[in-house]
């Protein structure tokens, strides 16, 4: 929320998708694909 995400969407949209995003990235074989910045994550 402090980083600009909609508070009304946190429980059902933003937070679960953020968890899934981290899970998906962690399984990528190419180490360069497992690198992310705050700006990129918030944009996605």
ModelCIF file with pLDDT and N, C-alpha, C, O atoms, coordinates in Angstrom:
data_MODEL
#
_entry.id   MODEL 
#
_entity.id                         1 
_entity.type                       polymer 
_entity.pdbx_number_of_molecules   1 
#
_entity_poly.entity_id                      1 
_entity_poly.type                           'polypeptide(L)' 
_entity_poly.nstd_linkage                   no 
_entity_poly.nstd_monomer                   no 
_entity_poly.pdbx_seq_one_letter_code       
;(UNK)(UNK)(UNK)(UNK)(UNK)(UNK)(UNK)(UNK)(UNK)(UNK)(UNK)(UNK)(UNK)(UNK)(UNK)(UNK)
(UNK)(UNK)(UNK)(UNK)(UNK)(UNK)(UNK)(UNK)(UNK)(UNK)(UNK)(UNK)(UNK)(UNK)(UNK)(UNK)
(UNK)(UNK)(UNK)(UNK)(UNK)(UNK)(UNK)(UNK)(UNK)(UNK)(UNK)(UNK)
;
_entity_poly.pdbx_seq_one_letter_code_can   XXXXXXXXXXXXXXXXXXXXXXXXXXXXXXXXXXXXXXXXXXXX 
_entity_poly.pdbx_strand_id                 A 
#
loop_
_entity_poly_seq.entity_id 
_entity_poly_seq.num 
_entity_poly_seq.mon_id 
_entity_poly_seq.hetero 
1 1  UNK n 
1 2  UNK n 
1 3  UNK n 
1 4  UNK n 
1 5  UNK n 
1 6  UNK n 
1 7  UNK n 
1 8  UNK n 
1 9  UNK n 
1 10 UNK n 
1 11 UNK n 
1 12 UNK n 
1 13 UNK n 
1 14 UNK n 
1 15 UNK n 
1 16 UNK n 
1 17 UNK n 
1 18 UNK n 
1 19 UNK n 
1 20 UNK n 
1 21 UNK n 
1 22 UNK n 
1 23 UNK n 
1 24 UNK n 
1 25 UNK n 
1 26 UNK n 
1 27 UNK n 
1 28 UNK n 
1 29 UNK n 
1 30 UNK n 
1 31 UNK n 
1 32 UNK n 
1 33 UNK n 
1 34 UNK n 
1 35 UNK n 
1 36 UNK n 
1 37 UNK n 
1 38 UNK n 
1 39 UNK n 
1 40 UNK n 
1 41 UNK n 
1 42 UNK n 
1 43 UNK n 
1 44 UNK n 
#
_struct_asym.id          A 
_struct_asym.entity_id   1 
#
loop_
_ma_qa_metric.id 
_ma_qa_metric.mode 
_ma_qa_metric.name 
_ma_qa_metric.software_group_id 
_ma_qa_metric.type 
1 global pLDDT . pLDDT 
2 local  pLDDT . pLDDT 
#
_ma_qa_metric_global.metric_id      1 
_ma_qa_metric_global.metric_value   93.52 
_ma_qa_metric_global.model_id       1 
_ma_qa_metric_global.ordinal_id     1 
#
loop_
_ma_qa_metric_local.label_asym_id 
_ma_qa_metric_local.label_comp_id 
_ma_qa_metric_local.label_seq_id 
_ma_qa_metric_local.metric_id 
_ma_qa_metric_local.metric_value 
_ma_qa_metric_local.model_id 
_ma_qa_metric_local.ordinal_id 
A UNK 1  2 97.00 1 1  
A UNK 2  2 97.00 1 2  
A UNK 3  2 96.00 1 3  
A UNK 4  2 95.00 1 4  
A UNK 5  2 96.00 1 5  
A UNK 6  2 94.00 1 6  
A UNK 7  2 95.00 1 7  
A UNK 8  2 94.00 1 8  
A UNK 9  2 94.00 1 9  
A UNK 10 2 95.00 1 10 
A UNK 11 2 93.00 1 11 
A UNK 12 2 93.00 1 12 
A UNK 13 2 95.00 1 13 
A UNK 14 2 96.00 1 14 
A UNK 15 2 96.00 1 15 
A UNK 16 2 95.00 1 16 
A UNK 17 2 95.00 1 17 
A UNK 18 2 96.00 1 18 
A UNK 19 2 95.00 1 19 
A UNK 20 2 94.00 1 20 
A UNK 21 2 95.00 1 21 
A UNK 22 2 95.00 1 22 
A UNK 23 2 92.00 1 23 
A UNK 24 2 92.00 1 24 
A UNK 25 2 93.00 1 25 
A UNK 26 2 91.00 1 26 
A UNK 27 2 88.00 1 27 
A UNK 28 2 89.00 1 28 
A UNK 29 2 88.00 1 29 
A UNK 30 2 89.00 1 30 
A UNK 31 2 88.00 1 31 
A UNK 32 2 89.00 1 32 
A UNK 33 2 91.00 1 33 
A UNK 34 2 93.00 1 34 
A UNK 35 2 93.00 1 35 
A UNK 36 2 94.00 1 36 
A UNK 37 2 93.00 1 37 
A UNK 38 2 94.00 1 38 
A UNK 39 2 94.00 1 39 
A UNK 40 2 94.00 1 40 
A UNK 41 2 95.00 1 41 
A UNK 42 2 95.00 1 42 
A UNK 43 2 94.00 1 43 
A UNK 44 2 95.00 1 44 
#
loop_
_atom_site.group_PDB 
_atom_site.id 
_atom_site.type_symbol 
_atom_site.label_atom_id 
_atom_site.label_alt_id 
_atom_site.label_comp_id 
_atom_site.label_asym_id 
_atom_site.label_entity_id 
_atom_site.label_seq_id 
_atom_site.pdbx_PDB_ins_code 
_atom_site.Cartn_x 
_atom_site.Cartn_y 
_atom_site.Cartn_z 
_atom_site.occupancy 
_atom_site.B_iso_or_equiv 
_atom_site.pdbx_formal_charge 
_atom_site.auth_seq_id 
_atom_site.auth_comp_id 
_atom_site.auth_asym_id 
_atom_site.auth_atom_id 
_atom_site.pdbx_PDB_model_num 
ATOM 1   N N  . UNK A 1 1  ? 0.843  -1.206  0.000   1.00 97.00 ? 1  UNK A N  1 
ATOM 2   C CA . UNK A 1 1  ? 0.000  0.000   0.000   1.00 97.00 ? 1  UNK A CA 1 
ATOM 3   C C  . UNK A 1 1  ? 0.874  1.250   0.000   1.00 97.00 ? 1  UNK A C  1 
ATOM 4   O O  . UNK A 1 1  ? 0.601  2.201   -0.732  1.00 97.00 ? 1  UNK A O  1 
ATOM 5   N N  . UNK A 1 2  ? 1.921  1.247   0.818   1.00 97.00 ? 2  UNK A N  1 
ATOM 6   C CA . UNK A 1 2  ? 2.826  2.394   0.884   1.00 97.00 ? 2  UNK A CA 1 
ATOM 7   C C  . UNK A 1 2  ? 3.538  2.630   -0.441  1.00 97.00 ? 2  UNK A C  1 
ATOM 8   O O  . UNK A 1 2  ? 3.976  3.743   -0.732  1.00 97.00 ? 2  UNK A O  1 
ATOM 9   N N  . UNK A 1 3  ? 3.649  1.575   -1.239  1.00 96.00 ? 3  UNK A N  1 
ATOM 10  C CA . UNK A 1 3  ? 4.291  1.695   -2.552  1.00 96.00 ? 3  UNK A CA 1 
ATOM 11  C C  . UNK A 1 3  ? 3.282  1.951   -3.672  1.00 96.00 ? 3  UNK A C  1 
ATOM 12  O O  . UNK A 1 3  ? 3.597  1.778   -4.849  1.00 96.00 ? 3  UNK A O  1 
ATOM 13  N N  . UNK A 1 4  ? 2.064  2.367   -3.297  1.00 95.00 ? 4  UNK A N  1 
ATOM 14  C CA . UNK A 1 4  ? 1.110  2.839   -4.296  1.00 95.00 ? 4  UNK A CA 1 
ATOM 15  C C  . UNK A 1 4  ? 0.078  1.837   -4.759  1.00 95.00 ? 4  UNK A C  1 
ATOM 16  O O  . UNK A 1 4  ? -0.717 2.148   -5.645  1.00 95.00 ? 4  UNK A O  1 
ATOM 17  N N  . UNK A 1 5  ? 0.063  0.639   -4.188  1.00 96.00 ? 5  UNK A N  1 
ATOM 18  C CA . UNK A 1 5  ? -0.934 -0.344  -4.591  1.00 96.00 ? 5  UNK A CA 1 
ATOM 19  C C  . UNK A 1 5  ? -2.284 -0.040  -3.937  1.00 96.00 ? 5  UNK A C  1 
ATOM 20  O O  . UNK A 1 5  ? -2.342 0.450   -2.810  1.00 96.00 ? 5  UNK A O  1 
ATOM 21  N N  . UNK A 1 6  ? -3.375 -0.340  -4.664  1.00 94.00 ? 6  UNK A N  1 
ATOM 22  C CA . UNK A 1 6  ? -4.729 -0.059  -4.176  1.00 94.00 ? 6  UNK A CA 1 
ATOM 23  C C  . UNK A 1 6  ? -5.052 -0.907  -2.951  1.00 94.00 ? 6  UNK A C  1 
ATOM 24  O O  . UNK A 1 6  ? -4.978 -2.135  -3.000  1.00 94.00 ? 6  UNK A O  1 
ATOM 25  N N  . UNK A 1 7  ? -5.411 -0.247  -1.854  1.00 95.00 ? 7  UNK A N  1 
ATOM 26  C CA . UNK A 1 7  ? -5.697 -0.966  -0.617  1.00 95.00 ? 7  UNK A CA 1 
ATOM 27  C C  . UNK A 1 7  ? -6.876 -1.920  -0.782  1.00 95.00 ? 7  UNK A C  1 
ATOM 28  O O  . UNK A 1 7  ? -6.885 -2.995  -0.183  1.00 95.00 ? 7  UNK A O  1 
ATOM 29  N N  . UNK A 1 8  ? -7.862 -1.548  -1.578  1.00 94.00 ? 8  UNK A N  1 
ATOM 30  C CA . UNK A 1 8  ? -9.055 -2.380  -1.754  1.00 94.00 ? 8  UNK A CA 1 
ATOM 31  C C  . UNK A 1 8  ? -8.750 -3.672  -2.522  1.00 94.00 ? 8  UNK A C  1 
ATOM 32  O O  . UNK A 1 8  ? -9.514 -4.634  -2.442  1.00 94.00 ? 8  UNK A O  1 
ATOM 33  N N  . UNK A 1 9  ? -7.637 -3.697  -3.263  1.00 94.00 ? 9  UNK A N  1 
ATOM 34  C CA . UNK A 1 9  ? -7.278 -4.877  -4.059  1.00 94.00 ? 9  UNK A CA 1 
ATOM 35  C C  . UNK A 1 9  ? -6.194 -5.733  -3.415  1.00 94.00 ? 9  UNK A C  1 
ATOM 36  O O  . UNK A 1 9  ? -5.811 -6.764  -3.968  1.00 94.00 ? 9  UNK A O  1 
ATOM 37  N N  . UNK A 1 10 ? -5.697 -5.318  -2.254  1.00 95.00 ? 10 UNK A N  1 
ATOM 38  C CA . UNK A 1 10 ? -4.547 -5.999  -1.667  1.00 95.00 ? 10 UNK A CA 1 
ATOM 39  C C  . UNK A 1 10 ? -4.834 -7.476  -1.403  1.00 95.00 ? 10 UNK A C  1 
ATOM 40  O O  . UNK A 1 10 ? -4.076 -8.336  -1.852  1.00 95.00 ? 10 UNK A O  1 
ATOM 41  N N  . UNK A 1 11 ? -5.913 -7.786  -0.683  1.00 93.00 ? 11 UNK A N  1 
ATOM 42  C CA . UNK A 1 11 ? -6.197 -9.164  -0.264  1.00 93.00 ? 11 UNK A CA 1 
ATOM 43  C C  . UNK A 1 11 ? -6.443 -10.118 -1.422  1.00 93.00 ? 11 UNK A C  1 
ATOM 44  O O  . UNK A 1 11 ? -5.952 -11.247 -1.417  1.00 93.00 ? 11 UNK A O  1 
ATOM 45  N N  . UNK A 1 12 ? -7.204 -9.663  -2.416  1.00 93.00 ? 12 UNK A N  1 
ATOM 46  C CA . UNK A 1 12 ? -7.690 -10.587 -3.447  1.00 93.00 ? 12 UNK A CA 1 
ATOM 47  C C  . UNK A 1 12 ? -6.940 -10.505 -4.775  1.00 93.00 ? 12 UNK A C  1 
ATOM 48  O O  . UNK A 1 12 ? -7.078 -11.398 -5.611  1.00 93.00 ? 12 UNK A O  1 
ATOM 49  N N  . UNK A 1 13 ? -6.162 -9.465  -4.983  1.00 95.00 ? 13 UNK A N  1 
ATOM 50  C CA . UNK A 1 13 ? -5.513 -9.307  -6.286  1.00 95.00 ? 13 UNK A CA 1 
ATOM 51  C C  . UNK A 1 13 ? -4.011 -9.054  -6.161  1.00 95.00 ? 13 UNK A C  1 
ATOM 52  O O  . UNK A 1 13 ? -3.203 -9.835  -6.664  1.00 95.00 ? 13 UNK A O  1 
ATOM 53  N N  . UNK A 1 14 ? -3.641 -7.970  -5.495  1.00 96.00 ? 14 UNK A N  1 
ATOM 54  C CA . UNK A 1 14 ? -2.240 -7.553  -5.479  1.00 96.00 ? 14 UNK A CA 1 
ATOM 55  C C  . UNK A 1 14 ? -1.348 -8.522  -4.710  1.00 96.00 ? 14 UNK A C  1 
ATOM 56  O O  . UNK A 1 14 ? -0.357 -9.016  -5.247  1.00 96.00 ? 14 UNK A O  1 
ATOM 57  N N  . UNK A 1 15 ? -1.697 -8.794  -3.457  1.00 96.00 ? 15 UNK A N  1 
ATOM 58  C CA . UNK A 1 15 ? -0.825 -9.634  -2.620  1.00 96.00 ? 15 UNK A CA 1 
ATOM 59  C C  . UNK A 1 15 ? -0.709 -11.068 -3.151  1.00 96.00 ? 15 UNK A C  1 
ATOM 60  O O  . UNK A 1 15 ? 0.413  -11.556 -3.289  1.00 96.00 ? 15 UNK A O  1 
ATOM 61  N N  . UNK A 1 16 ? -1.817 -11.772 -3.457  1.00 95.00 ? 16 UNK A N  1 
ATOM 62  C CA . UNK A 1 16 ? -1.649 -13.142 -3.965  1.00 95.00 ? 16 UNK A CA 1 
ATOM 63  C C  . UNK A 1 16 ? -0.869 -13.200 -5.276  1.00 95.00 ? 16 UNK A C  1 
ATOM 64  O O  . UNK A 1 16 ? -0.093 -14.130 -5.498  1.00 95.00 ? 16 UNK A O  1 
ATOM 65  N N  . UNK A 1 17 ? -1.074 -12.211 -6.143  1.00 95.00 ? 17 UNK A N  1 
ATOM 66  C CA . UNK A 1 17 ? -0.323 -12.208 -7.397  1.00 95.00 ? 17 UNK A CA 1 
ATOM 67  C C  . UNK A 1 17 ? 1.155  -11.887 -7.171  1.00 95.00 ? 17 UNK A C  1 
ATOM 68  O O  . UNK A 1 17 ? 2.013  -12.368 -7.910  1.00 95.00 ? 17 UNK A O  1 
ATOM 69  N N  . UNK A 1 18 ? 1.452  -11.082 -6.160  1.00 96.00 ? 18 UNK A N  1 
ATOM 70  C CA . UNK A 1 18 ? 2.847  -10.804 -5.828  1.00 96.00 ? 18 UNK A CA 1 
ATOM 71  C C  . UNK A 1 18 ? 3.534  -12.075 -5.341  1.00 96.00 ? 18 UNK A C  1 
ATOM 72  O O  . UNK A 1 18 ? 4.667  -12.362 -5.730  1.00 96.00 ? 18 UNK A O  1 
ATOM 73  N N  . UNK A 1 19 ? 2.847  -12.836 -4.490  1.00 95.00 ? 19 UNK A N  1 
ATOM 74  C CA . UNK A 1 19 ? 3.389  -14.115 -4.020  1.00 95.00 ? 19 UNK A CA 1 
ATOM 75  C C  . UNK A 1 19 ? 3.617  -15.057 -5.197  1.00 95.00 ? 19 UNK A C  1 
ATOM 76  O O  . UNK A 1 19 ? 4.660  -15.704 -5.288  1.00 95.00 ? 19 UNK A O  1 
ATOM 77  N N  . UNK A 1 20 ? 2.635  -15.130 -6.100  1.00 94.00 ? 20 UNK A N  1 
ATOM 78  C CA . UNK A 1 20 ? 2.766  -16.009 -7.258  1.00 94.00 ? 20 UNK A CA 1 
ATOM 79  C C  . UNK A 1 20 ? 3.903  -15.553 -8.168  1.00 94.00 ? 20 UNK A C  1 
ATOM 80  O O  . UNK A 1 20 ? 4.609  -16.385 -8.738  1.00 94.00 ? 20 UNK A O  1 
ATOM 81  N N  . UNK A 1 21 ? 4.087  -14.248 -8.308  1.00 95.00 ? 21 UNK A N  1 
ATOM 82  C CA . UNK A 1 21 ? 5.166  -13.718 -9.134  1.00 95.00 ? 21 UNK A CA 1 
ATOM 83  C C  . UNK A 1 21 ? 6.526  -14.174 -8.597  1.00 95.00 ? 21 UNK A C  1 
ATOM 84  O O  . UNK A 1 21 ? 7.395  -14.600 -9.358  1.00 95.00 ? 21 UNK A O  1 
ATOM 85  N N  . UNK A 1 22 ? 6.694  -14.078 -7.273  1.00 95.00 ? 22 UNK A N  1 
ATOM 86  C CA . UNK A 1 22 ? 7.945  -14.517 -6.666  1.00 95.00 ? 22 UNK A CA 1 
ATOM 87  C C  . UNK A 1 22 ? 8.144  -16.019 -6.880  1.00 95.00 ? 22 UNK A C  1 
ATOM 88  O O  . UNK A 1 22 ? 9.244  -16.462 -7.208  1.00 95.00 ? 22 UNK A O  1 
ATOM 89  N N  . UNK A 1 23 ? 7.076  -16.800 -6.692  1.00 92.00 ? 23 UNK A N  1 
ATOM 90  C CA . UNK A 1 23 ? 7.162  -18.248 -6.885  1.00 92.00 ? 23 UNK A CA 1 
ATOM 91  C C  . UNK A 1 23 ? 7.557  -18.590 -8.321  1.00 92.00 ? 23 UNK A C  1 
ATOM 92  O O  . UNK A 1 23 ? 8.403  -19.456 -8.546  1.00 92.00 ? 23 UNK A O  1 
ATOM 93  N N  . UNK A 1 24 ? 6.946  -17.911 -9.292  1.00 92.00 ? 24 UNK A N  1 
ATOM 94  C CA . UNK A 1 24 ? 7.246  -18.172 -10.702 1.00 92.00 ? 24 UNK A CA 1 
ATOM 95  C C  . UNK A 1 24 ? 8.692  -17.829 -11.037 1.00 92.00 ? 24 UNK A C  1 
ATOM 96  O O  . UNK A 1 24 ? 9.369  -18.594 -11.723 1.00 92.00 ? 24 UNK A O  1 
ATOM 97  N N  . UNK A 1 25 ? 9.166  -16.690 -10.559 1.00 93.00 ? 25 UNK A N  1 
ATOM 98  C CA . UNK A 1 25 ? 10.533 -16.269 -10.842 1.00 93.00 ? 25 UNK A CA 1 
ATOM 99  C C  . UNK A 1 25 ? 11.534 -17.244 -10.235 1.00 93.00 ? 25 UNK A C  1 
ATOM 100 O O  . UNK A 1 25 ? 12.567 -17.538 -10.837 1.00 93.00 ? 25 UNK A O  1 
ATOM 101 N N  . UNK A 1 26 ? 11.225 -17.744 -9.039  1.00 91.00 ? 26 UNK A N  1 
ATOM 102 C CA . UNK A 1 26 ? 12.168 -18.615 -8.325  1.00 91.00 ? 26 UNK A CA 1 
ATOM 103 C C  . UNK A 1 26 ? 12.418 -19.933 -9.047  1.00 91.00 ? 26 UNK A C  1 
ATOM 104 O O  . UNK A 1 26 ? 13.432 -20.586 -8.800  1.00 91.00 ? 26 UNK A O  1 
ATOM 105 N N  . UNK A 1 27 ? 11.507 -20.337 -9.941  1.00 88.00 ? 27 UNK A N  1 
ATOM 106 C CA . UNK A 1 27 ? 11.652 -21.623 -10.635 1.00 88.00 ? 27 UNK A CA 1 
ATOM 107 C C  . UNK A 1 27 ? 12.320 -21.497 -12.001 1.00 88.00 ? 27 UNK A C  1 
ATOM 108 O O  . UNK A 1 27 ? 12.540 -22.506 -12.671 1.00 88.00 ? 27 UNK A O  1 
ATOM 109 N N  . UNK A 1 28 ? 12.643 -20.290 -12.421 1.00 89.00 ? 28 UNK A N  1 
ATOM 110 C CA . UNK A 1 28 ? 13.268 -20.109 -13.732 1.00 89.00 ? 28 UNK A CA 1 
ATOM 111 C C  . UNK A 1 28 ? 14.707 -20.627 -13.708 1.00 89.00 ? 28 UNK A C  1 
ATOM 112 O O  . UNK A 1 28 ? 15.449 -20.374 -12.759 1.00 89.00 ? 28 UNK A O  1 
ATOM 113 N N  . UNK A 1 29 ? 15.092 -21.352 -14.754 1.00 88.00 ? 29 UNK A N  1 
ATOM 114 C CA . UNK A 1 29 ? 16.410 -21.976 -14.793 1.00 88.00 ? 29 UNK A CA 1 
ATOM 115 C C  . UNK A 1 29 ? 17.529 -20.975 -15.035 1.00 88.00 ? 29 UNK A C  1 
ATOM 116 O O  . UNK A 1 29 ? 18.622 -21.116 -14.488 1.00 88.00 ? 29 UNK A O  1 
ATOM 117 N N  . UNK A 1 30 ? 17.261 -19.970 -15.849 1.00 89.00 ? 30 UNK A N  1 
ATOM 118 C CA . UNK A 1 30 ? 18.276 -18.970 -16.186 1.00 89.00 ? 30 UNK A CA 1 
ATOM 119 C C  . UNK A 1 30 ? 18.415 -17.982 -15.030 1.00 89.00 ? 30 UNK A C  1 
ATOM 120 O O  . UNK A 1 30 ? 17.454 -17.282 -14.708 1.00 89.00 ? 30 UNK A O  1 
ATOM 121 N N  . UNK A 1 31 ? 19.597 -17.907 -14.392 1.00 88.00 ? 31 UNK A N  1 
ATOM 122 C CA . UNK A 1 31 ? 19.777 -16.996 -13.255 1.00 88.00 ? 31 UNK A CA 1 
ATOM 123 C C  . UNK A 1 31 ? 19.471 -15.535 -13.593 1.00 88.00 ? 31 UNK A C  1 
ATOM 124 O O  . UNK A 1 31 ? 19.019 -14.783 -12.729 1.00 88.00 ? 31 UNK A O  1 
ATOM 125 N N  . UNK A 1 32 ? 19.711 -15.131 -14.827 1.00 89.00 ? 32 UNK A N  1 
ATOM 126 C CA . UNK A 1 32 ? 19.450 -13.738 -15.200 1.00 89.00 ? 32 UNK A CA 1 
ATOM 127 C C  . UNK A 1 32 ? 17.959 -13.424 -15.210 1.00 89.00 ? 32 UNK A C  1 
ATOM 128 O O  . UNK A 1 32 ? 17.565 -12.263 -15.095 1.00 89.00 ? 32 UNK A O  1 
ATOM 129 N N  . UNK A 1 33 ? 17.115 -14.477 -15.350 1.00 91.00 ? 33 UNK A N  1 
ATOM 130 C CA . UNK A 1 33 ? 15.668 -14.291 -15.346 1.00 91.00 ? 33 UNK A CA 1 
ATOM 131 C C  . UNK A 1 33 ? 15.107 -14.240 -13.932 1.00 91.00 ? 33 UNK A C  1 
ATOM 132 O O  . UNK A 1 33 ? 13.925 -13.956 -13.735 1.00 91.00 ? 33 UNK A O  1 
ATOM 133 N N  . UNK A 1 34 ? 15.959 -14.516 -12.949 1.00 93.00 ? 34 UNK A N  1 
ATOM 134 C CA . UNK A 1 34 ? 15.517 -14.490 -11.558 1.00 93.00 ? 34 UNK A CA 1 
ATOM 135 C C  . UNK A 1 34 ? 15.893 -13.178 -10.862 1.00 93.00 ? 34 UNK A C  1 
ATOM 136 O O  . UNK A 1 34 ? 15.925 -13.101 -9.634  1.00 93.00 ? 34 UNK A O  1 
ATOM 137 N N  . UNK A 1 35 ? 16.173 -12.166 -11.655 1.00 93.00 ? 35 UNK A N  1 
ATOM 138 C CA . UNK A 1 35 ? 16.528 -10.854 -11.115 1.00 93.00 ? 35 UNK A CA 1 
ATOM 139 C C  . UNK A 1 35 ? 15.391 -9.878  -11.384 1.00 93.00 ? 35 UNK A C  1 
ATOM 140 O O  . UNK A 1 35 ? 14.871 -9.816  -12.497 1.00 93.00 ? 35 UNK A O  1 
ATOM 141 N N  . UNK A 1 36 ? 15.007 -9.117  -10.366 1.00 94.00 ? 36 UNK A N  1 
ATOM 142 C CA . UNK A 1 36 ? 13.905 -8.168  -10.513 1.00 94.00 ? 36 UNK A CA 1 
ATOM 143 C C  . UNK A 1 36 ? 14.212 -6.910  -9.708  1.00 94.00 ? 36 UNK A C  1 
ATOM 144 O O  . UNK A 1 36 ? 14.986 -6.948  -8.751  1.00 94.00 ? 36 UNK A O  1 
ATOM 145 N N  . UNK A 1 37 ? 13.608 -5.811  -10.096 1.00 93.00 ? 37 UNK A N  1 
ATOM 146 C CA . UNK A 1 37 ? 13.711 -4.564  -9.338  1.00 93.00 ? 37 UNK A CA 1 
ATOM 147 C C  . UNK A 1 37 ? 12.336 -4.202  -8.793  1.00 93.00 ? 37 UNK A C  1 
ATOM 148 O O  . UNK A 1 37 ? 11.317 -4.720  -9.250  1.00 93.00 ? 37 UNK A O  1 
ATOM 149 N N  . UNK A 1 38 ? 12.322 -3.312  -7.819  1.00 94.00 ? 38 UNK A N  1 
ATOM 150 C CA . UNK A 1 38 ? 11.042 -2.887  -7.254  1.00 94.00 ? 38 UNK A CA 1 
ATOM 151 C C  . UNK A 1 38 ? 10.168 -2.243  -8.332  1.00 94.00 ? 38 UNK A C  1 
ATOM 152 O O  . UNK A 1 38 ? 8.966  -2.503  -8.393  1.00 94.00 ? 38 UNK A O  1 
ATOM 153 N N  . UNK A 1 39 ? 10.753 -1.425  -9.162  1.00 94.00 ? 39 UNK A N  1 
ATOM 154 C CA . UNK A 1 39 ? 9.995  -0.729  -10.206 1.00 94.00 ? 39 UNK A CA 1 
ATOM 155 C C  . UNK A 1 39 ? 9.316  -1.718  -11.153 1.00 94.00 ? 39 UNK A C  1 
ATOM 156 O O  . UNK A 1 39 ? 8.145  -1.557  -11.496 1.00 94.00 ? 39 UNK A O  1 
ATOM 157 N N  . UNK A 1 40 ? 10.061 -2.739  -11.570 1.00 94.00 ? 40 UNK A N  1 
ATOM 158 C CA . UNK A 1 40 ? 9.500  -3.739  -12.493 1.00 94.00 ? 40 UNK A CA 1 
ATOM 159 C C  . UNK A 1 40 ? 8.355  -4.511  -11.843 1.00 94.00 ? 40 UNK A C  1 
ATOM 160 O O  . UNK A 1 40 ? 7.318  -4.736  -12.467 1.00 94.00 ? 40 UNK A O  1 
ATOM 161 N N  . UNK A 1 41 ? 8.546  -4.914  -10.589 1.00 95.00 ? 41 UNK A N  1 
ATOM 162 C CA . UNK A 1 41 ? 7.516  -5.701  -9.924  1.00 95.00 ? 41 UNK A CA 1 
ATOM 163 C C  . UNK A 1 41 ? 6.230  -4.899  -9.740  1.00 95.00 ? 41 UNK A C  1 
ATOM 164 O O  . UNK A 1 41 ? 5.141  -5.402  -10.014 1.00 95.00 ? 41 UNK A O  1 
ATOM 165 N N  . UNK A 1 42 ? 6.351  -3.660  -9.278  1.00 95.00 ? 42 UNK A N  1 
ATOM 166 C CA . UNK A 1 42 ? 5.166  -2.836  -9.065  1.00 95.00 ? 42 UNK A CA 1 
ATOM 167 C C  . UNK A 1 42 ? 4.450  -2.559  -10.382 1.00 95.00 ? 42 UNK A C  1 
ATOM 168 O O  . UNK A 1 42 ? 3.220  -2.525  -10.432 1.00 95.00 ? 42 UNK A O  1 
ATOM 169 N N  . UNK A 1 43 ? 5.222  -2.362  -11.445 1.00 94.00 ? 43 UNK A N  1 
ATOM 170 C CA . UNK A 1 43 ? 4.621  -2.124  -12.767 1.00 94.00 ? 43 UNK A CA 1 
ATOM 171 C C  . UNK A 1 43 ? 3.820  -3.333  -13.230 1.00 94.00 ? 43 UNK A C  1 
ATOM 172 O O  . UNK A 1 43 ? 2.716  -3.178  -13.751 1.00 94.00 ? 43 UNK A O  1 
ATOM 173 N N  . UNK A 1 44 ? 4.360  -4.533  -13.046 1.00 95.00 ? 44 UNK A N  1 
ATOM 174 C CA . UNK A 1 44 ? 3.662  -5.755  -13.452 1.00 95.00 ? 44 UNK A CA 1 
ATOM 175 C C  . UNK A 1 44 ? 2.407  -5.976  -12.617 1.00 95.00 ? 44 UNK A C  1 
ATOM 176 O O  . UNK A 1 44 ? 1.695  -6.959  -12.822 1.00 95.00 ? 44 UNK A O  1 
#
